Amino acid sequence: MSLKIQCDCSNIRWDLVSQTLKLVGMASYAPEIHKKAFENSHTVVFVFDDEKLVGFGRAISDGAYQAALYDLAILPEYQGKGIGRMIVNTIKRSLPNCNIILYAALGKEGFYEKLDFRKMKTGMALFHNAAEMKDKGFTE
């Protein structure tokens, strides 16, 4: 395995981003929607094994004190190899004075706890697809 980190959106195959998110059970949109989301983010991280896109993540932020981590996804065959930790640590370094929030994919909370994230007692969400998010177990 020869891993390379890229922190910009140049030469990304957005169809692979959509496919990866769908494969791991996360929200997946049309490639052009993911392109817009990543390009409008404060920090983006893509990880390649040689030329193969194997994982990615992004953060939106004011760059001063608040940030949110989104779309952290690793191809299943590459999970458990430290790639997610590498992505999160790269994002954290780009936002040194920021609080970082996220909502984890169900069952992945333990991964984030290992990286010092803690469950919030007052987290709230207003989803445009509220019924679907309730059915998936994200909201009460």
C-alpha atoms as a PDB file:
ATOM      1  CA  MET A   1       0.000   0.000   0.000  1.00  0.00           C
ATOM      2  CA  SER A   2       1.419   3.358  -1.076  1.00  0.00           C
ATOM      3  CA  LEU A   3      -0.846   6.083   0.347  1.00  0.00           C
ATOM      4  CA  LYS A   4      -0.879   9.684  -0.836  1.00  0.00           C
ATOM      5  CA  ILE A   5      -2.887  12.567   0.656  1.00  0.00           C
ATOM      6  CA  GLN A   6      -4.311  15.310  -1.537  1.00  0.00           C
ATOM      7  CA  CYS A   7      -5.841  18.436   0.022  1.00  0.00           C
ATOM      8  CA  ASP A   8      -7.505  20.014  -3.001  1.00  0.00           C
ATOM      9  CA  CYS A   9     -10.208  19.047  -5.490  1.00  0.00           C
ATOM     10  CA  SER A  10      -8.071  18.840  -8.623  1.00  0.00           C
ATOM     11  CA  ASN A  11      -8.508  15.772 -10.823  1.00  0.00           C
ATOM     12  CA  ILE A  12     -11.069  14.089  -8.554  1.00  0.00           C
ATOM     13  CA  ARG A  13     -13.471  11.625 -10.149  1.00  0.00           C
ATOM     14  CA  TRP A  14     -16.705  12.731  -8.524  1.00  0.00           C
ATOM     15  CA  ASP A  15     -18.528   9.622  -9.722  1.00  0.00           C
ATOM     16  CA  LEU A  16     -16.186   7.614  -7.470  1.00  0.00           C
ATOM     17  CA  VAL A  17     -16.990   9.901  -4.526  1.00  0.00           C
ATOM     18  CA  SER A  18     -20.715   9.254  -5.071  1.00  0.00           C
ATOM     19  CA  GLN A  19     -20.158   5.513  -5.479  1.00  0.00           C
ATOM     20  CA  THR A  20     -18.000   5.265  -2.345  1.00  0.00           C
ATOM     21  CA  LEU A  21     -20.507   7.122  -0.187  1.00  0.00           C
ATOM     22  CA  LYS A  22     -23.309   4.903  -1.461  1.00  0.00           C
ATOM     23  CA  LEU A  23     -21.202   1.767  -0.934  1.00  0.00           C
ATOM     24  CA  VAL A  24     -20.577   2.589   2.726  1.00  0.00           C
ATOM     25  CA  GLY A  25     -24.230   3.491   3.359  1.00  0.00           C
ATOM     26  CA  MET A  26     -23.905   7.259   3.554  1.00  0.00           C
ATOM     27  CA  ALA A  27     -25.872   9.963   1.757  1.00  0.00           C
ATOM     28  CA  SER A  28     -24.994   9.900  -1.901  1.00  0.00           C
ATOM     29  CA  TYR A  29     -25.902  12.542  -4.424  1.00  0.00           C
ATOM     30  CA  ALA A  30     -25.129  13.129  -8.077  1.00  0.00           C
ATOM     31  CA  PRO A  31     -21.402  13.629  -8.739  1.00  0.00           C
ATOM     32  CA  GLU A  32     -21.830  17.339  -9.521  1.00  0.00           C
ATOM     33  CA  ILE A  33     -23.504  17.891  -6.127  1.00  0.00           C
ATOM     34  CA  HIS A  34     -20.566  16.299  -4.290  1.00  0.00           C
ATOM     35  CA  LYS A  35     -18.157  18.359  -6.403  1.00  0.00           C
ATOM     36  CA  LYS A  36     -19.944  21.556  -5.331  1.00  0.00           C
ATOM     37  CA  ALA A  37     -19.989  20.494  -1.660  1.00  0.00           C
ATOM     38  CA  PHE A  38     -16.275  19.638  -1.564  1.00  0.00           C
ATOM     39  CA  GLU A  39     -15.246  22.737  -3.525  1.00  0.00           C
ATOM     40  CA  ASN A  40     -17.198  24.933  -1.086  1.00  0.00           C
ATOM     41  CA  SER A  41     -15.622  23.316   1.983  1.00  0.00           C
ATOM     42  CA  HIS A  42     -12.909  24.822   4.175  1.00  0.00           C
ATOM     43  CA  THR A  43     -10.781  21.656   4.129  1.00  0.00           C
ATOM     44  CA  VAL A  44     -10.833  18.622   1.854  1.00  0.00           C
ATOM     45  CA  VAL A  45      -8.753  15.472   2.141  1.00  0.00           C
ATOM     46  CA  PHE A  46      -8.523  12.692  -0.439  1.00  0.00           C
ATOM     47  CA  VAL A  47      -6.412   9.572   0.060  1.00  0.00           C
ATOM     48  CA  PHE A  48      -5.088   7.514  -2.830  1.00  0.00           C
ATOM     49  CA  ASP A  49      -3.406   4.123  -2.929  1.00  0.00           C
ATOM     50  CA  ASP A  50      -1.218   4.736  -5.963  1.00  0.00           C
ATOM     51  CA  GLU A  51      -3.868   6.210  -8.326  1.00  0.00           C
ATOM     52  CA  LYS A  52      -6.926   4.609  -6.664  1.00  0.00           C
ATOM     53  CA  LEU A  53      -9.173   6.864  -4.557  1.00  0.00           C
ATOM     54  CA  VAL A  54      -9.626   4.924  -1.300  1.00  0.00           C
ATOM     55  CA  GLY A  55     -11.004   7.532   1.114  1.00  0.00           C
ATOM     56  CA  PHE A  56     -11.904  11.142   1.677  1.00  0.00           C
ATOM     57  CA  GLY A  57     -13.470  13.650   4.033  1.00  0.00           C
ATOM     58  CA  ARG A  58     -14.178  17.339   4.303  1.00  0.00           C
ATOM     59  CA  ALA A  59     -14.901  20.075   6.825  1.00  0.00           C
ATOM     60  CA  ILE A  60     -16.921  23.223   6.593  1.00  0.00           C
ATOM     61  CA  SER A  61     -15.777  26.003   8.893  1.00  0.00           C
ATOM     62  CA  ASP A  62     -15.574  29.687   9.671  1.00  0.00           C
ATOM     63  CA  GLY A  63     -11.839  29.098  10.151  1.00  0.00           C
ATOM     64  CA  ALA A  64     -11.953  30.824  13.525  1.00  0.00           C
ATOM     65  CA  TYR A  65     -13.690  28.625  16.111  1.00  0.00           C
ATOM     66  CA  GLN A  66     -16.354  26.335  14.592  1.00  0.00           C
ATOM     67  CA  ALA A  67     -16.213  23.481  12.094  1.00  0.00           C
ATOM     68  CA  ALA A  68     -18.190  20.431  11.049  1.00  0.00           C
ATOM     69  CA  LEU A  69     -16.794  17.242   9.582  1.00  0.00           C
ATOM     70  CA  TYR A  70     -18.697  15.623   6.697  1.00  0.00           C
ATOM     71  CA  ASP A  71     -18.461  12.830   4.144  1.00  0.00           C
ATOM     72  CA  LEU A  72     -15.692  10.832   5.809  1.00  0.00           C
ATOM     73  CA  ALA A  73     -15.712   7.587   3.862  1.00  0.00           C
ATOM     74  CA  ILE A  74     -13.205   4.802   3.284  1.00  0.00           C
ATOM     75  CA  LEU A  75     -13.600   1.942   0.814  1.00  0.00           C
ATOM     76  CA  PRO A  76     -14.542  -1.170   2.837  1.00  0.00           C
ATOM     77  CA  GLU A  77     -11.411  -3.093   1.856  1.00  0.00           C
ATOM     78  CA  TYR A  78      -9.269  -0.202   3.180  1.00  0.00           C
ATOM     79  CA  GLN A  79     -11.099   0.283   6.491  1.00  0.00           C
ATOM     80  CA  GLY A  80      -9.161  -0.537   9.648  1.00  0.00           C
ATOM     81  CA  LYS A  81      -5.827   0.537   8.155  1.00  0.00           C
ATOM     82  CA  GLY A  82      -5.591   4.000   9.767  1.00  0.00           C
ATOM     83  CA  ILE A  83      -6.847   5.954   6.744  1.00  0.00           C
ATOM     84  CA  GLY A  84      -9.839   7.449   8.560  1.00  0.00           C
ATOM     85  CA  ARG A  85      -7.566   8.563  11.408  1.00  0.00           C
ATOM     86  CA  MET A  86      -5.189  10.097   8.836  1.00  0.00           C
ATOM     87  CA  ILE A  87      -8.043  12.064   7.242  1.00  0.00           C
ATOM     88  CA  VAL A  88      -9.441  13.294  10.573  1.00  0.00           C
ATOM     89  CA  ASN A  89      -5.994  14.306  11.841  1.00  0.00           C
ATOM     90  CA  THR A  90      -5.292  16.214   8.615  1.00  0.00           C
ATOM     91  CA  ILE A  91      -8.590  18.063   8.992  1.00  0.00           C
ATOM     92  CA  LYS A  92      -7.921  18.783  12.689  1.00  0.00           C
ATOM     93  CA  ARG A  93      -4.491  20.253  11.847  1.00  0.00           C
ATOM     94  CA  SER A  94      -6.109  22.624   9.330  1.00  0.00           C
ATOM     95  CA  LEU A  95      -8.526  23.862  12.033  1.00  0.00           C
ATOM     96  CA  PRO A  96      -6.295  24.179  15.123  1.00  0.00           C
ATOM     97  CA  ASN A  97      -8.528  26.446  17.225  1.00  0.00           C
ATOM     98  CA  CYS A  98     -11.899  25.104  16.150  1.00  0.00           C
ATOM     99  CA  ASN A  99     -14.526  23.002  17.835  1.00  0.00           C
ATOM    100  CA  ILE A 100     -15.436  20.210  15.402  1.00  0.00           C
ATOM    101  CA  ILE A 101     -18.852  18.590  15.339  1.00  0.00           C
ATOM    102  CA  LEU A 102     -20.176  15.738  13.215  1.00  0.00           C
ATOM    103  CA  TYR A 103     -22.865  13.163  13.022  1.00  0.00           C
ATOM    104  CA  ALA A 104     -21.483   9.682  12.677  1.00  0.00           C
ATOM    105  CA  ALA A 105     -22.807   6.913  10.490  1.00  0.00           C
ATOM    106  CA  LEU A 106     -24.701   4.518  12.729  1.00  0.00           C
ATOM    107  CA  GLY A 107     -22.312   2.015  14.252  1.00  0.00           C
ATOM    108  CA  LYS A 108     -19.229   4.190  13.665  1.00  0.00           C
ATOM    109  CA  GLU A 109     -19.439   6.210  16.883  1.00  0.00           C
ATOM    110  CA  GLY A 110     -16.644   4.147  18.461  1.00  0.00           C
ATOM    111  CA  PHE A 111     -14.228   5.178  15.705  1.00  0.00           C
ATOM    112  CA  TYR A 112     -14.766   8.848  16.534  1.00  0.00           C
ATOM    113  CA  GLU A 113     -14.554   8.224  20.275  1.00  0.00           C
ATOM    114  CA  LYS A 114     -11.047   6.797  19.710  1.00  0.00           C
ATOM    115  CA  LEU A 115     -10.179  10.173  18.130  1.00  0.00           C
ATOM    116  CA  ASP A 116     -11.402  12.055  21.241  1.00  0.00           C
ATOM    117  CA  PHE A 117     -14.847  13.031  19.909  1.00  0.00           C
ATOM    118  CA  ARG A 118     -17.596  12.839  22.536  1.00  0.00           C
ATOM    119  CA  LYS A 119     -21.360  12.465  22.255  1.00  0.00           C
ATOM    120  CA  MET A 120     -23.246  15.721  22.635  1.00  0.00           C
ATOM    121  CA  LYS A 121     -26.208  16.000  24.963  1.00  0.00           C
ATOM    122  CA  THR A 122     -27.754  18.982  23.231  1.00  0.00           C
ATOM    123  CA  GLY A 123     -27.225  18.187  19.548  1.00  0.00           C
ATOM    124  CA  MET A 124     -30.155  19.164  17.360  1.00  0.00           C
ATOM    125  CA  ALA A 125     -30.822  18.805  13.644  1.00  0.00           C
ATOM    126  CA  LEU A 126     -33.260  20.174  11.096  1.00  0.00           C
ATOM    127  CA  PHE A 127     -33.136  17.787   8.130  1.00  0.00           C
ATOM    128  CA  HIS A 128     -34.988  18.452   4.884  1.00  0.00           C
ATOM    129  CA  ASN A 129     -35.700  14.694   4.791  1.00  0.00           C
ATOM    130  CA  ALA A 130     -36.764  14.477   8.456  1.00  0.00           C
ATOM    131  CA  ALA A 131     -38.866  11.299   8.169  1.00  0.00           C
ATOM    132  CA  GLU A 132     -36.073   9.404   6.420  1.00  0.00           C
ATOM    133  CA  MET A 133     -33.491  10.497   9.014  1.00  0.00           C
ATOM    134  CA  LYS A 134     -35.823   9.389  11.804  1.00  0.00           C
ATOM    135  CA  ASP A 135     -36.329   6.010  10.098  1.00  0.00           C
ATOM    136  CA  LYS A 136     -32.534   5.616   9.841  1.00  0.00           C
ATOM    137  CA  GLY A 137     -32.184   6.286  13.581  1.00  0.00           C
ATOM    138  CA  PHE A 138     -30.467   9.684  13.457  1.00  0.00           C
ATOM    139  CA  THR A 139     -33.246  11.611  15.215  1.00  0.00           C
ATOM    140  CA  GLU A 140     -35.890  10.948  17.853  1.00  0.00           C
END
